[in-house]
N, C-alpha and C. Protein backbone atom coordinates (compact mmCIF):
# COMPACT_ATOMS: atom_id res chain seq x y z
N UNK A 1 17.40 -13.66 35.51
CA UNK A 1 16.15 -13.31 36.12
C UNK A 1 15.49 -14.59 36.61
N UNK A 2 14.96 -14.53 37.78
CA UNK A 2 14.35 -15.71 38.37
C UNK A 2 12.89 -15.82 37.95
N UNK A 3 12.36 -17.04 38.07
CA UNK A 3 10.92 -17.22 37.84
C UNK A 3 10.18 -16.52 38.95
N UNK A 4 9.19 -15.74 38.58
CA UNK A 4 8.48 -14.95 39.57
C UNK A 4 7.01 -15.01 39.24
N UNK A 5 6.20 -15.36 40.19
CA UNK A 5 4.76 -15.44 40.01
C UNK A 5 4.17 -14.04 40.19
N UNK A 6 3.76 -13.43 39.08
CA UNK A 6 3.24 -12.07 39.13
C UNK A 6 1.93 -11.96 39.92
N UNK A 7 1.22 -13.05 40.03
CA UNK A 7 -0.10 -13.00 40.65
C UNK A 7 -0.08 -13.38 42.14
N UNK A 8 1.05 -13.80 42.62
CA UNK A 8 1.17 -14.18 44.02
C UNK A 8 1.22 -12.92 44.90
N UNK A 9 0.42 -12.91 45.93
CA UNK A 9 0.42 -11.79 46.86
C UNK A 9 1.73 -11.77 47.63
N UNK A 10 2.31 -10.59 47.74
CA UNK A 10 3.61 -10.46 48.41
C UNK A 10 3.39 -9.84 49.79
N UNK A 11 3.89 -10.56 50.83
CA UNK A 11 3.74 -10.07 52.19
C UNK A 11 5.08 -9.67 52.81
N UNK A 12 6.16 -10.17 52.23
CA UNK A 12 7.47 -9.90 52.81
C UNK A 12 8.19 -8.78 52.04
N UNK A 13 8.87 -7.92 52.76
CA UNK A 13 9.56 -6.77 52.17
C UNK A 13 10.60 -7.21 51.14
N UNK A 14 11.37 -8.25 51.45
CA UNK A 14 12.40 -8.73 50.54
C UNK A 14 11.80 -9.16 49.20
N UNK A 15 10.71 -9.92 49.27
CA UNK A 15 10.06 -10.37 48.04
C UNK A 15 9.52 -9.19 47.23
N UNK A 16 8.98 -8.21 47.92
CA UNK A 16 8.44 -7.03 47.25
C UNK A 16 9.56 -6.26 46.54
N UNK A 17 10.68 -6.08 47.20
CA UNK A 17 11.81 -5.37 46.61
C UNK A 17 12.37 -6.13 45.41
N UNK A 18 12.39 -7.46 45.54
CA UNK A 18 12.86 -8.28 44.42
C UNK A 18 11.94 -8.12 43.21
N UNK A 19 10.65 -8.10 43.46
CA UNK A 19 9.70 -7.92 42.36
C UNK A 19 9.89 -6.55 41.71
N UNK A 20 10.05 -5.51 42.49
CA UNK A 20 10.27 -4.18 41.94
C UNK A 20 11.54 -4.13 41.08
N UNK A 21 12.59 -4.79 41.57
CA UNK A 21 13.84 -4.82 40.82
C UNK A 21 13.66 -5.53 39.48
N UNK A 22 12.96 -6.64 39.50
CA UNK A 22 12.71 -7.40 38.26
C UNK A 22 11.88 -6.56 37.29
N UNK A 23 10.84 -5.91 37.80
CA UNK A 23 9.99 -5.08 36.94
C UNK A 23 10.78 -3.90 36.36
N UNK A 24 11.65 -3.32 37.17
CA UNK A 24 12.48 -2.21 36.68
C UNK A 24 13.42 -2.69 35.57
N UNK A 25 14.03 -3.85 35.74
CA UNK A 25 14.91 -4.41 34.72
C UNK A 25 14.14 -4.68 33.43
N UNK A 26 12.92 -5.19 33.57
CA UNK A 26 12.09 -5.44 32.40
C UNK A 26 11.75 -4.14 31.67
N UNK A 27 11.41 -3.12 32.41
CA UNK A 27 11.07 -1.83 31.80
C UNK A 27 12.28 -1.25 31.06
N UNK A 28 13.45 -1.34 31.65
CA UNK A 28 14.67 -0.84 31.01
C UNK A 28 14.95 -1.62 29.73
N UNK A 29 14.80 -2.93 29.81
CA UNK A 29 15.02 -3.78 28.64
C UNK A 29 14.02 -3.48 27.54
N UNK A 30 12.76 -3.32 27.89
CA UNK A 30 11.74 -3.02 26.89
C UNK A 30 11.97 -1.65 26.25
N UNK A 31 12.39 -0.69 27.02
CA UNK A 31 12.68 0.64 26.48
C UNK A 31 13.87 0.58 25.52
N UNK A 32 14.89 -0.18 25.88
CA UNK A 32 16.04 -0.33 24.99
C UNK A 32 15.63 -1.03 23.69
N UNK A 33 14.77 -2.03 23.80
CA UNK A 33 14.28 -2.73 22.63
C UNK A 33 13.47 -1.79 21.73
N UNK A 34 12.64 -0.95 22.34
CA UNK A 34 11.85 0.01 21.58
C UNK A 34 12.77 1.00 20.86
N UNK A 35 13.78 1.50 21.56
CA UNK A 35 14.73 2.43 20.95
C UNK A 35 15.45 1.77 19.76
N UNK A 36 15.85 0.53 19.93
CA UNK A 36 16.53 -0.19 18.85
C UNK A 36 15.61 -0.38 17.65
N UNK A 37 14.36 -0.67 17.93
CA UNK A 37 13.39 -0.86 16.85
C UNK A 37 13.18 0.44 16.08
N UNK A 38 13.07 1.55 16.78
CA UNK A 38 12.92 2.85 16.13
C UNK A 38 14.16 3.16 15.29
N UNK A 39 15.34 2.89 15.83
CA UNK A 39 16.58 3.11 15.10
C UNK A 39 16.63 2.27 13.82
N UNK A 40 16.27 1.02 13.93
CA UNK A 40 16.26 0.13 12.76
C UNK A 40 15.27 0.64 11.72
N UNK A 41 14.10 1.08 12.16
CA UNK A 41 13.10 1.60 11.23
C UNK A 41 13.64 2.81 10.46
N UNK A 42 14.33 3.72 11.17
CA UNK A 42 14.92 4.88 10.50
C UNK A 42 15.99 4.46 9.50
N UNK A 43 16.81 3.51 9.88
CA UNK A 43 17.87 3.06 8.98
C UNK A 43 17.30 2.40 7.73
N UNK A 44 16.25 1.60 7.90
CA UNK A 44 15.60 0.95 6.75
C UNK A 44 15.00 2.00 5.83
N UNK A 45 14.36 3.01 6.41
CA UNK A 45 13.79 4.09 5.60
C UNK A 45 14.88 4.81 4.82
N UNK A 46 16.01 5.09 5.46
CA UNK A 46 17.14 5.74 4.77
C UNK A 46 17.65 4.86 3.63
N UNK A 47 17.75 3.56 3.87
CA UNK A 47 18.22 2.65 2.82
C UNK A 47 17.25 2.60 1.64
N UNK A 48 15.97 2.60 1.94
CA UNK A 48 14.97 2.60 0.86
C UNK A 48 15.10 3.86 0.02
N UNK A 49 15.30 5.00 0.69
CA UNK A 49 15.49 6.26 -0.04
C UNK A 49 16.71 6.19 -0.93
N UNK A 50 17.81 5.63 -0.43
CA UNK A 50 19.03 5.49 -1.23
C UNK A 50 18.81 4.59 -2.44
N UNK A 51 18.10 3.51 -2.23
CA UNK A 51 17.83 2.59 -3.34
C UNK A 51 17.00 3.29 -4.41
N UNK A 52 15.98 4.04 -3.99
CA UNK A 52 15.15 4.75 -4.96
C UNK A 52 15.97 5.78 -5.74
N UNK A 53 16.87 6.49 -5.07
CA UNK A 53 17.73 7.44 -5.77
C UNK A 53 18.64 6.73 -6.76
N UNK A 54 19.18 5.58 -6.38
CA UNK A 54 20.07 4.83 -7.27
C UNK A 54 19.31 4.25 -8.46
N UNK A 55 18.06 3.88 -8.26
CA UNK A 55 17.27 3.37 -9.38
C UNK A 55 17.13 4.45 -10.43
N UNK A 56 16.86 5.69 -10.00
CA UNK A 56 16.76 6.79 -10.95
C UNK A 56 18.08 6.99 -11.69
N UNK A 57 19.20 6.92 -10.97
CA UNK A 57 20.51 7.07 -11.60
C UNK A 57 20.78 5.94 -12.59
N UNK A 58 20.40 4.73 -12.20
CA UNK A 58 20.62 3.59 -13.09
C UNK A 58 19.81 3.73 -14.37
N UNK A 59 18.57 4.21 -14.25
CA UNK A 59 17.76 4.41 -15.45
C UNK A 59 18.45 5.37 -16.41
N UNK A 60 19.00 6.45 -15.86
CA UNK A 60 19.74 7.40 -16.69
C UNK A 60 20.97 6.77 -17.30
N UNK A 61 21.66 5.94 -16.54
CA UNK A 61 22.85 5.26 -17.06
C UNK A 61 22.49 4.29 -18.17
N UNK A 62 21.39 3.56 -18.01
CA UNK A 62 20.98 2.61 -19.06
C UNK A 62 20.66 3.37 -20.35
N UNK A 63 20.01 4.53 -20.23
CA UNK A 63 19.72 5.33 -21.42
C UNK A 63 21.02 5.76 -22.09
N UNK A 64 21.99 6.18 -21.30
CA UNK A 64 23.28 6.62 -21.84
C UNK A 64 24.02 5.45 -22.50
N UNK A 65 24.02 4.30 -21.88
CA UNK A 65 24.69 3.11 -22.45
C UNK A 65 24.01 2.73 -23.76
N UNK A 66 22.70 2.78 -23.79
CA UNK A 66 21.98 2.44 -25.02
C UNK A 66 22.35 3.41 -26.16
N UNK A 67 22.44 4.70 -25.83
CA UNK A 67 22.84 5.69 -26.81
C UNK A 67 24.25 5.40 -27.35
N UNK A 68 25.16 5.10 -26.43
CA UNK A 68 26.55 4.84 -26.82
C UNK A 68 26.63 3.58 -27.69
N UNK A 69 25.88 2.55 -27.32
CA UNK A 69 25.91 1.32 -28.13
C UNK A 69 25.34 1.57 -29.53
N UNK A 70 24.25 2.35 -29.60
CA UNK A 70 23.69 2.67 -30.92
C UNK A 70 24.70 3.45 -31.76
N UNK A 71 25.34 4.42 -31.13
CA UNK A 71 26.34 5.23 -31.84
C UNK A 71 27.52 4.37 -32.27
N UNK A 72 27.91 3.43 -31.42
CA UNK A 72 29.01 2.52 -31.75
C UNK A 72 28.65 1.69 -32.99
N UNK A 73 27.43 1.19 -33.06
CA UNK A 73 27.00 0.40 -34.22
C UNK A 73 27.01 1.25 -35.49
N UNK A 74 26.57 2.52 -35.35
CA UNK A 74 26.60 3.41 -36.50
C UNK A 74 28.02 3.62 -37.00
N UNK A 75 28.94 3.85 -36.06
CA UNK A 75 30.34 4.07 -36.44
C UNK A 75 30.95 2.82 -37.06
N UNK A 76 30.64 1.67 -36.51
CA UNK A 76 31.15 0.42 -37.09
C UNK A 76 30.63 0.24 -38.51
N UNK A 77 29.36 0.59 -38.72
CA UNK A 77 28.76 0.48 -40.06
C UNK A 77 29.46 1.43 -41.03
N UNK A 78 29.71 2.67 -40.60
CA UNK A 78 30.40 3.64 -41.45
C UNK A 78 31.82 3.16 -41.77
N UNK A 79 32.53 2.64 -40.77
CA UNK A 79 33.90 2.15 -40.98
C UNK A 79 33.88 1.00 -41.97
N UNK A 80 32.94 0.11 -41.85
CA UNK A 80 32.84 -1.05 -42.74
C UNK A 80 32.58 -0.60 -44.18
N UNK A 81 31.71 0.39 -44.34
CA UNK A 81 31.40 0.88 -45.70
C UNK A 81 32.56 1.67 -46.29
N UNK A 82 33.35 2.32 -45.47
CA UNK A 82 34.50 3.06 -45.97
C UNK A 82 35.58 2.10 -46.46
N UNK A 83 35.64 0.92 -45.87
CA UNK A 83 36.64 -0.07 -46.29
C UNK A 83 36.26 -0.65 -47.64
N UNK A 84 34.98 -0.75 -47.91
CA UNK A 84 34.50 -1.39 -49.15
C UNK A 84 34.66 -0.51 -50.31
């Protein structure tokens, strides 16, 4: 894209057409950028939802692991006392 003075009055048809072409390219680029931004926002929201779901699952897993470890200690204690 060439440097273009937006405030310069245009008297020639060629210059006017060039300005329209540049403005059209800018509009297309800005629209694509907006679409990409919206897409990224949706993807980030989806990822946040997944993380929140996994946090709930992890909390449940930690509770289960804690239960198993407590039960393991109880069994080890019983085995030790049975040996004595």
